[in-house]
Amino acid sequence: MANLSELELQNLRHLMGGYDVTHCKMKEYAECATDSQVKQFFEKGAKSAMQNKQELMKFLG
C-alpha cells in the first residue's frame, strides 16, 4: 500500500470521528427506544457505524 498523504490522513480521521459520533448517537437512541423495531433499527445503525470505522482503520495499520 502506498503511503498516505497528510490530507488523506486528516480525511480518514474526520471520517472515523464521524462514525464514532454516529455510533454513540445510534446506541443512545436504541437505549431510549420503546418500540422493538425502532430499537433494532438504531442498534443496527450503531453496529454499522462501528464496522465502517474499523474498515477505515485498516488503512492506518
N, C-alpha and C. Protein backbone atom coordinates (compact mmCIF):
# COMPACT_ATOMS: atom_id res chain seq x y z
N MET A 1 0.84 -1.18 0.00
CA MET A 1 0.00 0.00 0.00
C MET A 1 0.88 1.24 0.00
N ALA A 2 0.50 2.21 -0.78
CA ALA A 2 1.26 3.46 -0.84
C ALA A 2 1.07 4.26 0.45
N ASN A 3 2.05 5.10 0.73
CA ASN A 3 1.95 5.98 1.90
C ASN A 3 0.81 6.97 1.70
N LEU A 4 0.12 7.26 2.79
CA LEU A 4 -0.97 8.22 2.74
C LEU A 4 -0.42 9.62 2.95
N SER A 5 -0.99 10.57 2.24
CA SER A 5 -0.58 11.97 2.42
C SER A 5 -1.20 12.51 3.71
N GLU A 6 -0.72 13.67 4.13
CA GLU A 6 -1.26 14.29 5.34
C GLU A 6 -2.76 14.59 5.17
N LEU A 7 -3.14 15.05 3.99
CA LEU A 7 -4.55 15.34 3.72
C LEU A 7 -5.40 14.07 3.80
N GLU A 8 -4.89 12.99 3.25
CA GLU A 8 -5.62 11.72 3.31
C GLU A 8 -5.77 11.24 4.76
N LEU A 9 -4.74 11.40 5.56
CA LEU A 9 -4.82 11.04 6.97
C LEU A 9 -5.84 11.90 7.70
N GLN A 10 -5.85 13.20 7.40
CA GLN A 10 -6.84 14.09 8.02
C GLN A 10 -8.26 13.69 7.63
N ASN A 11 -8.43 13.32 6.36
CA ASN A 11 -9.76 12.89 5.90
C ASN A 11 -10.19 11.61 6.60
N LEU A 12 -9.27 10.66 6.75
CA LEU A 12 -9.59 9.43 7.47
C LEU A 12 -9.97 9.72 8.91
N ARG A 13 -9.21 10.59 9.57
CA ARG A 13 -9.51 10.96 10.95
C ARG A 13 -10.89 11.59 11.05
N HIS A 14 -11.21 12.46 10.12
CA HIS A 14 -12.51 13.12 10.10
C HIS A 14 -13.63 12.09 9.91
N LEU A 15 -13.46 11.18 8.97
CA LEU A 15 -14.48 10.15 8.73
C LEU A 15 -14.66 9.24 9.94
N MET A 16 -13.54 8.83 10.55
CA MET A 16 -13.63 7.96 11.72
C MET A 16 -14.30 8.68 12.89
N GLY A 17 -14.03 9.95 13.05
CA GLY A 17 -14.69 10.72 14.09
C GLY A 17 -16.19 10.79 13.87
N GLY A 18 -16.57 10.95 12.61
CA GLY A 18 -17.99 10.97 12.27
C GLY A 18 -18.67 9.65 12.58
N TYR A 19 -17.99 8.55 12.28
CA TYR A 19 -18.55 7.24 12.60
C TYR A 19 -18.63 7.02 14.10
N ASP A 20 -17.68 7.55 14.86
CA ASP A 20 -17.74 7.47 16.32
C ASP A 20 -18.98 8.18 16.85
N VAL A 21 -19.20 9.39 16.34
CA VAL A 21 -20.36 10.17 16.78
C VAL A 21 -21.65 9.44 16.41
N THR A 22 -21.72 8.95 15.19
CA THR A 22 -22.90 8.22 14.74
C THR A 22 -23.15 7.00 15.60
N HIS A 23 -22.08 6.26 15.89
CA HIS A 23 -22.21 5.06 16.74
C HIS A 23 -22.79 5.43 18.11
N CYS A 24 -22.23 6.44 18.73
CA CYS A 24 -22.69 6.85 20.07
C CYS A 24 -24.15 7.31 20.05
N LYS A 25 -24.51 8.10 19.04
CA LYS A 25 -25.88 8.60 18.96
C LYS A 25 -26.87 7.46 18.71
N MET A 26 -26.54 6.59 17.78
CA MET A 26 -27.44 5.46 17.48
C MET A 26 -27.59 4.54 18.68
N LYS A 27 -26.51 4.33 19.39
CA LYS A 27 -26.56 3.49 20.59
C LYS A 27 -27.46 4.13 21.64
N GLU A 28 -27.33 5.42 21.83
CA GLU A 28 -28.17 6.14 22.80
C GLU A 28 -29.63 6.10 22.38
N TYR A 29 -29.90 6.34 21.08
CA TYR A 29 -31.28 6.28 20.59
C TYR A 29 -31.88 4.89 20.82
N ALA A 30 -31.07 3.85 20.59
CA ALA A 30 -31.55 2.48 20.78
C ALA A 30 -31.91 2.24 22.25
N GLU A 31 -31.10 2.76 23.14
CA GLU A 31 -31.36 2.58 24.57
C GLU A 31 -32.64 3.29 25.01
N CYS A 32 -32.97 4.39 24.35
CA CYS A 32 -34.15 5.16 24.71
C CYS A 32 -35.42 4.68 24.01
N ALA A 33 -35.26 3.89 22.96
CA ALA A 33 -36.41 3.46 22.17
C ALA A 33 -37.28 2.48 22.96
N THR A 34 -38.58 2.63 22.81
CA THR A 34 -39.52 1.70 23.46
C THR A 34 -40.07 0.69 22.47
N ASP A 35 -40.14 1.07 21.22
CA ASP A 35 -40.61 0.16 20.17
C ASP A 35 -39.46 -0.77 19.75
N SER A 36 -39.73 -2.07 19.70
CA SER A 36 -38.66 -3.03 19.40
C SER A 36 -38.08 -2.86 18.00
N GLN A 37 -38.92 -2.49 17.03
CA GLN A 37 -38.42 -2.30 15.67
C GLN A 37 -37.53 -1.07 15.58
N VAL A 38 -37.92 -0.02 16.27
CA VAL A 38 -37.11 1.20 16.29
C VAL A 38 -35.79 0.93 16.99
N LYS A 39 -35.86 0.21 18.11
CA LYS A 39 -34.66 -0.15 18.85
C LYS A 39 -33.70 -0.95 17.97
N GLN A 40 -34.24 -1.93 17.26
CA GLN A 40 -33.43 -2.77 16.38
C GLN A 40 -32.80 -1.94 15.25
N PHE A 41 -33.56 -1.00 14.71
CA PHE A 41 -33.06 -0.13 13.64
C PHE A 41 -31.83 0.65 14.11
N PHE A 42 -31.92 1.26 15.30
CA PHE A 42 -30.80 2.04 15.82
C PHE A 42 -29.62 1.16 16.22
N GLU A 43 -29.89 -0.03 16.75
CA GLU A 43 -28.81 -0.95 17.10
C GLU A 43 -28.04 -1.37 15.84
N LYS A 44 -28.78 -1.62 14.77
CA LYS A 44 -28.15 -1.98 13.50
C LYS A 44 -27.31 -0.82 12.97
N GLY A 45 -27.82 0.40 13.08
CA GLY A 45 -27.08 1.58 12.64
C GLY A 45 -25.80 1.77 13.45
N ALA A 46 -25.88 1.56 14.76
CA ALA A 46 -24.69 1.69 15.62
C ALA A 46 -23.63 0.66 15.24
N LYS A 47 -24.07 -0.56 15.00
CA LYS A 47 -23.14 -1.63 14.61
C LYS A 47 -22.49 -1.31 13.27
N SER A 48 -23.27 -0.83 12.34
CA SER A 48 -22.76 -0.48 11.01
C SER A 48 -21.72 0.63 11.09
N ALA A 49 -21.98 1.65 11.90
CA ALA A 49 -21.04 2.76 12.05
C ALA A 49 -19.71 2.27 12.61
N MET A 50 -19.76 1.36 13.59
CA MET A 50 -18.53 0.83 14.17
C MET A 50 -17.76 -0.01 13.15
N GLN A 51 -18.48 -0.80 12.37
CA GLN A 51 -17.83 -1.60 11.34
C GLN A 51 -17.16 -0.71 10.29
N ASN A 52 -17.82 0.36 9.92
CA ASN A 52 -17.24 1.29 8.94
C ASN A 52 -15.97 1.93 9.49
N LYS A 53 -15.99 2.31 10.75
CA LYS A 53 -14.80 2.89 11.37
C LYS A 53 -13.65 1.89 11.36
N GLN A 54 -13.95 0.64 11.71
CA GLN A 54 -12.92 -0.39 11.75
C GLN A 54 -12.32 -0.64 10.36
N GLU A 55 -13.17 -0.57 9.34
CA GLU A 55 -12.67 -0.73 7.97
C GLU A 55 -11.69 0.39 7.62
N LEU A 56 -12.03 1.61 8.00
CA LEU A 56 -11.15 2.74 7.73
C LEU A 56 -9.83 2.61 8.49
N MET A 57 -9.89 2.07 9.68
CA MET A 57 -8.68 1.93 10.50
C MET A 57 -7.68 0.97 9.86
N LYS A 58 -8.14 0.09 9.00
CA LYS A 58 -7.23 -0.82 8.31
C LYS A 58 -6.21 -0.06 7.45
N PHE A 59 -6.59 1.12 6.99
CA PHE A 59 -5.68 1.93 6.18
C PHE A 59 -4.54 2.50 7.00
N LEU A 60 -4.71 2.51 8.32
CA LEU A 60 -3.69 3.05 9.20
C LEU A 60 -2.78 1.97 9.75
N GLY A 61 -3.15 0.71 9.56
CA GLY A 61 -2.41 -0.41 10.13
C GLY A 61 -1.28 -0.91 9.33
